Protein backbone atom coordinates (compact mmCIF):
# COMPACT_ATOMS: atom_id res chain seq x y z
CA MET A 1 35.57 145.52 -63.59
CA SER A 2 32.75 143.59 -61.64
CA ARG A 3 33.21 140.19 -60.36
CA ILE A 4 30.57 137.84 -59.63
CA ALA A 5 30.83 135.13 -57.20
CA PHE A 6 28.94 132.33 -56.23
CA ASP A 7 29.65 129.98 -53.05
CA HIS A 8 27.90 126.58 -53.67
CA GLU A 9 28.25 125.86 -50.01
CA LEU A 10 26.88 128.72 -48.71
CA ALA A 11 23.85 128.17 -51.34
CA ARG A 12 23.28 124.76 -49.82
CA GLN A 13 23.28 125.85 -46.60
CA ALA A 14 20.52 128.64 -47.32
CA ALA A 15 18.52 126.08 -48.88
CA GLY A 16 19.03 124.02 -45.64
CA ARG A 17 17.70 127.09 -43.88
CA LEU A 18 14.76 127.34 -46.26
CA ASP A 19 13.78 123.80 -45.51
CA ALA A 20 14.02 124.37 -41.55
CA LEU A 21 11.89 127.75 -41.78
CA ALA A 22 9.54 125.30 -43.77
CA ASP A 23 9.61 122.60 -41.40
CA GLY A 24 8.72 125.40 -38.58
CA LEU A 25 5.88 126.87 -40.55
CA GLU A 26 4.15 123.36 -40.81
CA SER A 27 5.02 122.54 -37.15
CA GLY A 28 3.61 125.92 -36.17
CA LEU A 29 0.28 125.25 -38.28
CA ARG A 30 -0.08 122.04 -36.86
CA ASP A 31 0.11 123.32 -32.87
CA SER A 32 -2.40 125.54 -33.57
CA SER A 33 -4.69 124.06 -35.84
CA ALA A 34 -7.12 123.46 -33.23
CA ALA A 35 -7.87 127.49 -33.03
CA LEU A 36 -8.84 127.02 -36.71
CA SER A 37 -11.58 124.72 -36.41
CA PRO A 38 -13.68 126.11 -33.14
CA ALA A 39 -16.63 124.13 -31.67
CA ALA A 40 -19.63 126.15 -31.88
CA ALA A 41 -20.41 128.00 -28.82
CA ALA A 42 -24.02 126.87 -28.77
CA LEU A 43 -26.59 124.73 -30.64
CA ASP A 44 -28.25 127.73 -32.11
CA PRO A 45 -28.12 128.26 -35.75
CA VAL A 46 -26.32 131.34 -35.40
CA SER A 47 -23.50 129.68 -33.19
CA ARG A 48 -23.27 126.77 -35.86
CA ARG A 49 -23.34 129.11 -38.84
CA THR A 50 -20.53 131.01 -37.16
CA SER A 51 -18.37 128.19 -36.58
CA GLN A 52 -18.93 127.08 -39.98
CA SER A 53 -17.91 130.17 -41.14
CA ILE A 54 -14.57 130.03 -39.07
CA GLU A 55 -13.98 126.60 -40.33
CA GLU A 56 -13.90 127.56 -43.99
CA VAL A 57 -11.80 130.53 -43.23
CA GLY A 58 -9.57 128.20 -41.21
CA VAL A 59 -9.69 125.71 -44.48
CA SER A 60 -8.65 128.29 -46.75
CA PHE A 61 -5.82 129.80 -44.38
CA ARG A 62 -4.16 126.39 -44.04
CA GLN A 63 -4.13 125.91 -47.77
CA SER A 64 -2.66 129.30 -48.19
CA TYR A 65 -0.25 128.72 -45.33
CA LEU A 66 0.98 125.38 -46.30
CA GLY A 67 1.23 126.32 -50.32
CA GLY A 68 3.67 129.25 -48.83
CA ALA A 69 5.83 126.08 -47.40
CA VAL A 70 5.40 124.33 -50.42
CA GLU A 71 7.38 127.42 -52.47
CA LEU A 72 9.80 127.66 -49.79
CA ARG A 73 10.66 123.98 -50.25
CA LYS A 74 10.91 124.52 -54.26
CA ILE A 75 13.00 127.53 -53.96
CA ALA A 76 15.44 125.59 -51.59
CA ALA A 77 15.39 122.55 -54.10
CA ASN A 78 16.28 124.79 -56.85
CA LEU A 79 18.61 126.53 -55.10
CA ARG A 80 20.42 123.45 -54.39
CA SER A 81 20.24 122.49 -58.02
CA HIS A 82 21.72 125.53 -59.19
CA ALA A 83 24.51 125.10 -56.41
CA ASP A 84 25.38 121.26 -57.72
CA LEU A 85 25.49 122.72 -61.32
CA HIS A 86 27.70 125.47 -60.51
CA GLU A 87 29.98 123.29 -58.52
CA GLY A 88 30.09 120.73 -61.54
CA ALA A 89 30.52 123.39 -64.09
CA ASP A 90 33.53 124.88 -61.86
CA GLY A 91 35.03 121.54 -61.92
CA ASP A 92 34.69 121.15 -65.35
CA ALA A 93 36.23 124.18 -66.28
CA VAL A 94 39.23 123.60 -64.17
CA ALA A 95 39.54 120.30 -65.93
CA ALA A 96 39.67 121.74 -69.12
CA PHE A 97 42.64 123.86 -68.24
CA GLN A 98 44.57 120.99 -66.08
CA PRO A 99 46.50 120.01 -69.39
CA LEU A 100 47.57 123.50 -70.51
CA MET A 101 49.46 123.95 -67.05
């Protein structure tokens, strides 16, 4: 017989770690954002176009990267919600059997 166990407190801790990971990702991006927007090396058209292309790639990277942090936060919120629901269901089940004891 298999047994499924769910530790709601451990789930909440994991959600907190996911939020911390998202915070770290966002902080890392803020700290290195200058590298994603370099200035043109010169005033010639090739240098300006190269800088513009790197900027466009940087914008796309930022959006994608921040999207990952948002997804981590969604997972953390979902995990917290499930932990709360599970804890509430456990309490309800115990309360339902109290009169029988």
